Amino acid sequence: MKSIIEIQQEISGEFEMYDDWMDKYNYLIELGKDLAVIDTKHKVKENLINGCQSRVWLHAEYEEGLIHFTADSDSIITKGIIALLVRVLSGRKPEEILNTDLFFIDRIGLRQNLSPTRSNGLLSMIRQMKLYALAYHAKAKGS
């Protein structure tokens, strides 16, 4: 299994192939189309991320010490963004998620090229994923 750093470097390389931000947005949309479908039973209010302009559902399951994320969004670009985050952070130990610097976001120019509302949504998605990691980390320490 590739490390979080290797996956982020891979993503950075994929985005370097595109010079124009419209091409990068189109690539984000394609990534969203490839996102594994979240089970409809998880598309509930409790799994909606607060702080996103569009609706984003994020579900986490903790299995054998690893957190597995599934997600969906009603916005095609936002779905691509959450697909990237799931790709980097899913299948990891809580400590890895908590200690990860998501450098790919700035390296591919994502933060600079998002509208303020999408940028806030990105931060909300990351915060929610780290909150799940924190909760599972605390739970694991307590058991």
N, C-alpha and C. Protein backbone atom coordinates (compact mmCIF):
# COMPACT_ATOMS: atom_id res chain seq x y z
N MET A 1 0.84 -1.19 0.00
CA MET A 1 0.00 0.00 0.00
C MET A 1 0.89 1.25 0.00
N LYS A 2 0.51 2.21 -0.83
CA LYS A 2 1.28 3.44 -0.93
C LYS A 2 1.08 4.30 0.31
N SER A 3 2.12 5.06 0.63
CA SER A 3 2.03 5.98 1.77
C SER A 3 1.19 7.20 1.40
N ILE A 4 0.76 7.93 2.41
CA ILE A 4 0.00 9.15 2.18
C ILE A 4 0.83 10.14 1.35
N ILE A 5 2.11 10.21 1.63
CA ILE A 5 3.00 11.12 0.88
C ILE A 5 3.07 10.69 -0.59
N GLU A 6 3.21 9.40 -0.84
CA GLU A 6 3.28 8.91 -2.23
C GLU A 6 2.00 9.22 -2.99
N ILE A 7 0.87 9.04 -2.35
CA ILE A 7 -0.41 9.32 -3.01
C ILE A 7 -0.52 10.81 -3.32
N GLN A 8 -0.11 11.65 -2.39
CA GLN A 8 -0.16 13.10 -2.63
C GLN A 8 0.78 13.50 -3.77
N GLN A 9 1.95 12.86 -3.84
CA GLN A 9 2.89 13.15 -4.93
C GLN A 9 2.30 12.70 -6.27
N GLU A 10 1.60 11.56 -6.25
CA GLU A 10 0.93 11.05 -7.45
C GLU A 10 -0.12 12.06 -7.94
N ILE A 11 -0.95 12.54 -7.02
CA ILE A 11 -1.99 13.52 -7.35
C ILE A 11 -1.35 14.79 -7.92
N SER A 12 -0.27 15.25 -7.28
CA SER A 12 0.43 16.45 -7.76
C SER A 12 0.90 16.25 -9.20
N GLY A 13 1.45 15.08 -9.48
CA GLY A 13 1.92 14.76 -10.83
C GLY A 13 0.78 14.73 -11.84
N GLU A 14 -0.35 14.18 -11.44
CA GLU A 14 -1.50 14.12 -12.34
C GLU A 14 -1.97 15.52 -12.72
N PHE A 15 -1.99 16.43 -11.76
CA PHE A 15 -2.46 17.78 -12.03
C PHE A 15 -1.43 18.61 -12.80
N GLU A 16 -0.14 18.24 -12.70
CA GLU A 16 0.90 18.96 -13.43
C GLU A 16 0.75 18.79 -14.93
N MET A 17 0.05 17.74 -15.35
CA MET A 17 -0.15 17.49 -16.78
C MET A 17 -1.03 18.57 -17.42
N TYR A 18 -1.76 19.31 -16.60
CA TYR A 18 -2.68 20.32 -17.12
C TYR A 18 -2.15 21.71 -16.82
N ASP A 19 -2.09 22.55 -17.86
CA ASP A 19 -1.60 23.92 -17.69
C ASP A 19 -2.74 24.85 -17.29
N ASP A 20 -3.89 24.61 -17.83
CA ASP A 20 -5.03 25.50 -17.68
C ASP A 20 -5.93 25.04 -16.54
N TRP A 21 -6.47 26.00 -15.76
CA TRP A 21 -7.32 25.59 -14.64
C TRP A 21 -8.65 25.02 -15.08
N MET A 22 -9.10 25.37 -16.27
CA MET A 22 -10.35 24.75 -16.76
C MET A 22 -10.12 23.26 -16.98
N ASP A 23 -8.93 22.89 -17.47
CA ASP A 23 -8.60 21.47 -17.65
C ASP A 23 -8.50 20.77 -16.30
N LYS A 24 -7.97 21.48 -15.31
CA LYS A 24 -7.86 20.89 -13.96
C LYS A 24 -9.25 20.70 -13.35
N TYR A 25 -10.15 21.66 -13.58
CA TYR A 25 -11.53 21.49 -13.10
C TYR A 25 -12.19 20.29 -13.78
N ASN A 26 -11.95 20.14 -15.07
CA ASN A 26 -12.51 18.99 -15.79
C ASN A 26 -11.96 17.69 -15.24
N TYR A 27 -10.68 17.69 -14.89
CA TYR A 27 -10.07 16.49 -14.29
C TYR A 27 -10.71 16.21 -12.92
N LEU A 28 -10.92 17.26 -12.14
CA LEU A 28 -11.60 17.10 -10.84
C LEU A 28 -12.98 16.46 -11.03
N ILE A 29 -13.70 16.92 -12.04
CA ILE A 29 -15.03 16.37 -12.33
C ILE A 29 -14.92 14.88 -12.67
N GLU A 30 -13.90 14.52 -13.46
CA GLU A 30 -13.69 13.10 -13.80
C GLU A 30 -13.40 12.28 -12.55
N LEU A 31 -12.58 12.83 -11.66
CA LEU A 31 -12.26 12.12 -10.41
C LEU A 31 -13.52 11.89 -9.59
N GLY A 32 -14.40 12.87 -9.58
CA GLY A 32 -15.66 12.74 -8.86
C GLY A 32 -16.52 11.62 -9.42
N LYS A 33 -16.47 11.45 -10.74
CA LYS A 33 -17.25 10.38 -11.38
C LYS A 33 -16.73 9.00 -10.97
N ASP A 34 -15.45 8.92 -10.64
CA ASP A 34 -14.83 7.65 -10.25
C ASP A 34 -14.96 7.34 -8.76
N LEU A 35 -15.50 8.29 -8.00
CA LEU A 35 -15.66 8.09 -6.56
C LEU A 35 -16.61 6.93 -6.30
N ALA A 36 -16.19 6.00 -5.45
CA ALA A 36 -17.04 4.86 -5.11
C ALA A 36 -18.37 5.39 -4.56
N VAL A 37 -19.44 4.78 -4.99
CA VAL A 37 -20.78 5.23 -4.59
C VAL A 37 -21.00 4.95 -3.11
N ILE A 38 -21.45 5.97 -2.40
CA ILE A 38 -21.76 5.83 -0.98
C ILE A 38 -23.11 5.10 -0.87
N ASP A 39 -23.22 4.24 0.10
CA ASP A 39 -24.47 3.54 0.33
C ASP A 39 -25.55 4.57 0.66
N THR A 40 -26.71 4.44 0.05
CA THR A 40 -27.77 5.43 0.25
C THR A 40 -28.18 5.55 1.72
N LYS A 41 -28.00 4.49 2.51
CA LYS A 41 -28.35 4.58 3.93
C LYS A 41 -27.45 5.55 4.68
N HIS A 42 -26.30 5.91 4.08
CA HIS A 42 -25.38 6.86 4.71
C HIS A 42 -25.60 8.29 4.22
N LYS A 43 -26.50 8.47 3.27
CA LYS A 43 -26.80 9.83 2.79
C LYS A 43 -27.90 10.43 3.66
N VAL A 44 -27.53 10.64 4.92
CA VAL A 44 -28.46 11.15 5.92
C VAL A 44 -27.92 12.47 6.47
N LYS A 45 -28.81 13.19 7.12
CA LYS A 45 -28.47 14.51 7.67
C LYS A 45 -27.24 14.46 8.57
N GLU A 46 -27.12 13.41 9.38
CA GLU A 46 -25.99 13.28 10.32
C GLU A 46 -24.65 13.21 9.61
N ASN A 47 -24.64 12.79 8.35
CA ASN A 47 -23.39 12.66 7.60
C ASN A 47 -23.11 13.86 6.69
N LEU A 48 -24.00 14.85 6.71
CA LEU A 48 -23.75 16.06 5.92
C LEU A 48 -22.67 16.90 6.61
N ILE A 49 -21.77 17.44 5.82
CA ILE A 49 -20.70 18.27 6.37
C ILE A 49 -21.19 19.71 6.46
N ASN A 50 -21.13 20.26 7.65
CA ASN A 50 -21.47 21.67 7.85
C ASN A 50 -20.36 22.54 7.30
N GLY A 51 -20.74 23.64 6.70
CA GLY A 51 -19.74 24.56 6.17
C GLY A 51 -19.54 24.45 4.68
N CYS A 52 -20.20 23.50 4.05
CA CYS A 52 -20.12 23.36 2.60
C CYS A 52 -21.36 23.98 1.98
N GLN A 53 -21.15 24.73 0.91
CA GLN A 53 -22.27 25.34 0.22
C GLN A 53 -23.12 24.26 -0.46
N SER A 54 -22.45 23.31 -1.09
CA SER A 54 -23.18 22.19 -1.68
C SER A 54 -23.30 21.10 -0.62
N ARG A 55 -24.13 20.14 -0.90
CA ARG A 55 -24.30 19.06 0.08
C ARG A 55 -23.20 18.02 -0.12
N VAL A 56 -22.53 17.69 0.98
CA VAL A 56 -21.47 16.69 0.97
C VAL A 56 -21.75 15.72 2.12
N TRP A 57 -21.85 14.46 1.77
CA TRP A 57 -22.04 13.42 2.79
C TRP A 57 -20.71 12.72 2.97
N LEU A 58 -20.34 12.49 4.22
CA LEU A 58 -19.10 11.77 4.53
C LEU A 58 -19.42 10.74 5.59
N HIS A 59 -19.09 9.50 5.28
CA HIS A 59 -19.32 8.41 6.23
C HIS A 59 -17.97 7.75 6.52
N ALA A 60 -17.75 7.42 7.78
CA ALA A 60 -16.51 6.76 8.18
C ALA A 60 -16.82 5.47 8.90
N GLU A 61 -16.04 4.46 8.61
CA GLU A 61 -16.13 3.18 9.33
C GLU A 61 -14.75 2.84 9.84
N TYR A 62 -14.70 2.34 11.05
CA TYR A 62 -13.44 1.98 11.69
C TYR A 62 -13.37 0.46 11.76
N GLU A 63 -12.38 -0.09 11.08
CA GLU A 63 -12.27 -1.54 10.99
C GLU A 63 -10.80 -1.95 11.09
N GLU A 64 -10.51 -2.81 12.04
CA GLU A 64 -9.16 -3.33 12.24
C GLU A 64 -8.10 -2.22 12.30
N GLY A 65 -8.44 -1.15 13.03
CA GLY A 65 -7.49 -0.07 13.25
C GLY A 65 -7.40 0.95 12.13
N LEU A 66 -8.20 0.78 11.08
CA LEU A 66 -8.15 1.70 9.94
C LEU A 66 -9.50 2.38 9.73
N ILE A 67 -9.46 3.62 9.27
CA ILE A 67 -10.69 4.34 8.97
C ILE A 67 -10.91 4.30 7.46
N HIS A 68 -12.12 3.92 7.07
CA HIS A 68 -12.50 3.87 5.66
C HIS A 68 -13.60 4.90 5.44
N PHE A 69 -13.35 5.81 4.50
CA PHE A 69 -14.31 6.86 4.20
C PHE A 69 -15.05 6.56 2.91
N THR A 70 -16.33 6.90 2.90
CA THR A 70 -17.11 6.97 1.67
C THR A 70 -17.77 8.33 1.68
N ALA A 71 -18.02 8.86 0.48
CA ALA A 71 -18.55 10.22 0.39
C ALA A 71 -19.32 10.41 -0.90
N ASP A 72 -20.04 11.51 -0.94
CA ASP A 72 -20.76 11.93 -2.15
C ASP A 72 -21.07 13.41 -2.02
N SER A 73 -21.36 14.03 -3.15
CA SER A 73 -21.77 15.43 -3.16
C SER A 73 -22.73 15.65 -4.31
N ASP A 74 -23.58 16.67 -4.16
CA ASP A 74 -24.49 17.01 -5.24
C ASP A 74 -23.86 18.03 -6.20
N SER A 75 -22.61 18.40 -5.96
CA SER A 75 -21.86 19.31 -6.84
C SER A 75 -20.72 18.53 -7.49
N ILE A 76 -20.60 18.63 -8.81
CA ILE A 76 -19.60 17.81 -9.50
C ILE A 76 -18.16 18.17 -9.14
N ILE A 77 -17.88 19.45 -8.93
CA ILE A 77 -16.51 19.83 -8.56
C ILE A 77 -16.22 19.43 -7.11
N THR A 78 -17.18 19.67 -6.23
CA THR A 78 -17.01 19.29 -4.83
C THR A 78 -16.85 17.78 -4.70
N LYS A 79 -17.56 17.04 -5.52
CA LYS A 79 -17.43 15.57 -5.51
C LYS A 79 -16.00 15.17 -5.89
N GLY A 80 -15.41 15.89 -6.82
CA GLY A 80 -14.01 15.64 -7.19
C GLY A 80 -13.05 15.95 -6.06
N ILE A 81 -13.34 17.02 -5.33
CA ILE A 81 -12.49 17.41 -4.20
C ILE A 81 -12.55 16.35 -3.10
N ILE A 82 -13.76 15.92 -2.75
CA ILE A 82 -13.89 14.91 -1.69
C ILE A 82 -13.29 13.58 -2.16
N ALA A 83 -13.36 13.31 -3.47
CA ALA A 83 -12.75 12.09 -4.01
C ALA A 83 -11.24 12.10 -3.76
N LEU A 84 -10.61 13.27 -3.94
CA LEU A 84 -9.17 13.38 -3.67
C LEU A 84 -8.87 13.14 -2.20
N LEU A 85 -9.66 13.73 -1.32
CA LEU A 85 -9.44 13.56 0.11
C LEU A 85 -9.64 12.11 0.54
N VAL A 86 -10.65 11.46 0.00
CA VAL A 86 -10.89 10.05 0.31
C VAL A 86 -9.71 9.22 -0.18
N ARG A 87 -9.24 9.52 -1.38
CA ARG A 87 -8.10 8.78 -1.95
C ARG A 87 -6.87 8.87 -1.04
N VAL A 88 -6.63 10.05 -0.48
CA VAL A 88 -5.44 10.25 0.36
C VAL A 88 -5.63 9.67 1.76
N LEU A 89 -6.82 9.85 2.36
CA LEU A 89 -6.98 9.55 3.78
C LEU A 89 -7.69 8.24 4.12
N SER A 90 -8.41 7.65 3.18
CA SER A 90 -9.15 6.43 3.50
C SER A 90 -8.21 5.22 3.61
N GLY A 91 -8.55 4.33 4.53
CA GLY A 91 -7.74 3.14 4.73
C GLY A 91 -6.51 3.39 5.57
N ARG A 92 -6.56 4.44 6.38
CA ARG A 92 -5.41 4.84 7.21
C ARG A 92 -5.73 4.72 8.69
N LYS A 93 -4.67 4.67 9.48
CA LYS A 93 -4.83 4.70 10.93
C LYS A 93 -5.21 6.12 11.35
N PRO A 94 -5.98 6.25 12.44
CA PRO A 94 -6.35 7.59 12.90
C PRO A 94 -5.16 8.52 13.09
N GLU A 95 -4.06 7.99 13.66
CA GLU A 95 -2.87 8.82 13.91
C GLU A 95 -2.31 9.37 12.61
N GLU A 96 -2.31 8.54 11.55
CA GLU A 96 -1.79 8.99 10.26
C GLU A 96 -2.61 10.18 9.75
N ILE A 97 -3.93 10.06 9.85
CA ILE A 97 -4.82 11.12 9.37
C ILE A 97 -4.59 12.40 10.19
N LEU A 98 -4.48 12.25 11.49
CA LEU A 98 -4.29 13.41 12.36
C LEU A 98 -2.96 14.11 12.11
N ASN A 99 -1.93 13.35 11.76
CA ASN A 99 -0.59 13.92 11.61
C ASN A 99 -0.24 14.28 10.17
N THR A 100 -1.16 14.11 9.25
CA THR A 100 -0.87 14.35 7.84
C THR A 100 -0.96 15.81 7.47
N ASP A 101 0.06 16.25 6.75
CA ASP A 101 0.04 17.57 6.13
C ASP A 101 -0.44 17.33 4.70
N LEU A 102 -1.59 17.88 4.38
CA LEU A 102 -2.16 17.69 3.05
C LEU A 102 -1.54 18.70 2.07
N PHE A 103 -0.26 18.48 1.76
CA PHE A 103 0.49 19.43 0.94
C PHE A 103 0.03 19.47 -0.51
N PHE A 104 -0.62 18.42 -0.98
CA PHE A 104 -1.04 18.38 -2.38
C PHE A 104 -2.04 19.49 -2.72
N ILE A 105 -2.81 19.93 -1.73
CA ILE A 105 -3.84 20.94 -1.96
C ILE A 105 -3.21 22.23 -2.49
N ASP A 106 -2.12 22.66 -1.87
CA ASP A 106 -1.44 23.87 -2.33
C ASP A 106 -0.58 23.57 -3.55
N ARG A 107 0.01 22.39 -3.58
CA ARG A 107 0.90 22.05 -4.69
C ARG A 107 0.16 22.04 -6.03
N ILE A 108 -1.08 21.57 -6.04
CA ILE A 108 -1.83 21.56 -7.31
C ILE A 108 -2.57 22.88 -7.55
N GLY A 109 -2.49 23.79 -6.58
CA GLY A 109 -3.11 25.10 -6.73
C GLY A 109 -4.60 25.11 -6.43
N LEU A 110 -5.06 24.07 -5.74
CA LEU A 110 -6.49 23.94 -5.49
C LEU A 110 -7.02 25.08 -4.63
N ARG A 111 -6.37 25.34 -3.51
CA ARG A 111 -6.86 26.36 -2.58
C ARG A 111 -6.93 27.74 -3.27
N GLN A 112 -5.93 28.06 -4.07
CA GLN A 112 -5.88 29.36 -4.73
C GLN A 112 -6.92 29.50 -5.83
N ASN A 113 -7.39 28.39 -6.39
CA ASN A 113 -8.30 28.44 -7.52
C ASN A 113 -9.74 28.09 -7.19
N LEU A 114 -10.04 28.01 -5.90
CA LEU A 114 -11.42 27.76 -5.48
C LEU A 114 -12.06 29.07 -5.07
N SER A 115 -13.36 29.14 -5.26
CA SER A 115 -14.09 30.31 -4.76
C SER A 115 -14.01 30.28 -3.23
N PRO A 116 -14.22 31.41 -2.56
CA PRO A 116 -14.17 31.42 -1.09
C PRO A 116 -15.13 30.40 -0.46
N THR A 117 -16.31 30.23 -1.04
CA THR A 117 -17.25 29.27 -0.44
C THR A 117 -16.76 27.84 -0.62
N ARG A 118 -16.17 27.52 -1.78
CA ARG A 118 -15.63 26.16 -1.99
C ARG A 118 -14.41 25.94 -1.11
N SER A 119 -13.62 26.98 -0.94
CA SER A 119 -12.43 26.88 -0.09
C SER A 119 -12.85 26.59 1.36
N ASN A 120 -13.89 27.26 1.83
CA ASN A 120 -14.43 26.96 3.16
C ASN A 120 -14.94 25.53 3.23
N GLY A 121 -15.57 25.09 2.17
CA GLY A 121 -16.07 23.71 2.11
C GLY A 121 -14.94 22.71 2.18
N LEU A 122 -13.83 22.99 1.48
CA LEU A 122 -12.66 22.12 1.52
C LEU A 122 -12.15 22.00 2.96
N LEU A 123 -12.03 23.13 3.63
CA LEU A 123 -11.56 23.12 5.03
C LEU A 123 -12.53 22.34 5.92
N SER A 124 -13.82 22.47 5.65
CA SER A 124 -14.83 21.74 6.44
C SER A 124 -14.71 20.24 6.21
N MET A 125 -14.45 19.82 4.97
CA MET A 125 -14.29 18.39 4.68
C MET A 125 -13.07 17.83 5.42
N ILE A 126 -11.97 18.56 5.35
CA ILE A 126 -10.75 18.11 6.04
C ILE A 126 -10.99 18.05 7.55
N ARG A 127 -11.63 19.09 8.08
CA ARG A 127 -11.90 19.13 9.52
C ARG A 127 -12.75 17.91 9.93
N GLN A 128 -13.77 17.60 9.15
CA GLN A 128 -14.64 16.48 9.49
C GLN A 128 -13.89 15.15 9.46
N MET A 129 -13.03 14.97 8.47
CA MET A 129 -12.24 13.73 8.38
C MET A 129 -11.29 13.62 9.58
N LYS A 130 -10.71 14.74 9.96
CA LYS A 130 -9.80 14.72 11.12
C LYS A 130 -10.57 14.52 12.42
N LEU A 131 -11.80 15.02 12.49
CA LEU A 131 -12.63 14.79 13.68
C LEU A 131 -12.97 13.31 13.83
N TYR A 132 -13.29 12.66 12.72
CA TYR A 132 -13.51 11.21 12.77
C TYR A 132 -12.25 10.50 13.27
N ALA A 133 -11.10 10.91 12.75
CA ALA A 133 -9.83 10.30 13.16
C ALA A 133 -9.59 10.52 14.65
N LEU A 134 -9.87 11.72 15.12
CA LEU A 134 -9.69 12.03 16.54
C LEU A 134 -10.61 11.17 17.41
N ALA A 135 -11.85 11.03 16.99
CA ALA A 135 -12.81 10.23 17.74
C ALA A 135 -12.39 8.76 17.78
N TYR A 136 -12.01 8.22 16.64
CA TYR A 136 -11.59 6.81 16.61
C TYR A 136 -10.28 6.59 17.35
N HIS A 137 -9.40 7.58 17.29
CA HIS A 137 -8.13 7.50 18.03
C HIS A 137 -8.41 7.45 19.54
N ALA A 138 -9.29 8.33 19.99
CA ALA A 138 -9.64 8.37 21.41
C ALA A 138 -10.33 7.07 21.84
N LYS A 139 -11.20 6.56 20.99
CA LYS A 139 -11.91 5.32 21.27
C LYS A 139 -10.93 4.14 21.38
N ALA A 140 -9.95 4.11 20.47
CA ALA A 140 -8.97 3.03 20.47
C ALA A 140 -8.09 3.10 21.72
N LYS A 141 -7.74 4.30 22.13
CA LYS A 141 -6.92 4.47 23.34
C LYS A 141 -7.68 4.06 24.60
N GLY A 142 -8.99 4.28 24.55
CA GLY A 142 -9.83 3.96 25.71
C GLY A 142 -10.16 2.49 25.86
N SER A 143 -10.01 1.74 24.76
CA SER A 143 -10.40 0.31 24.85
C SER A 143 -9.25 -0.59 25.19
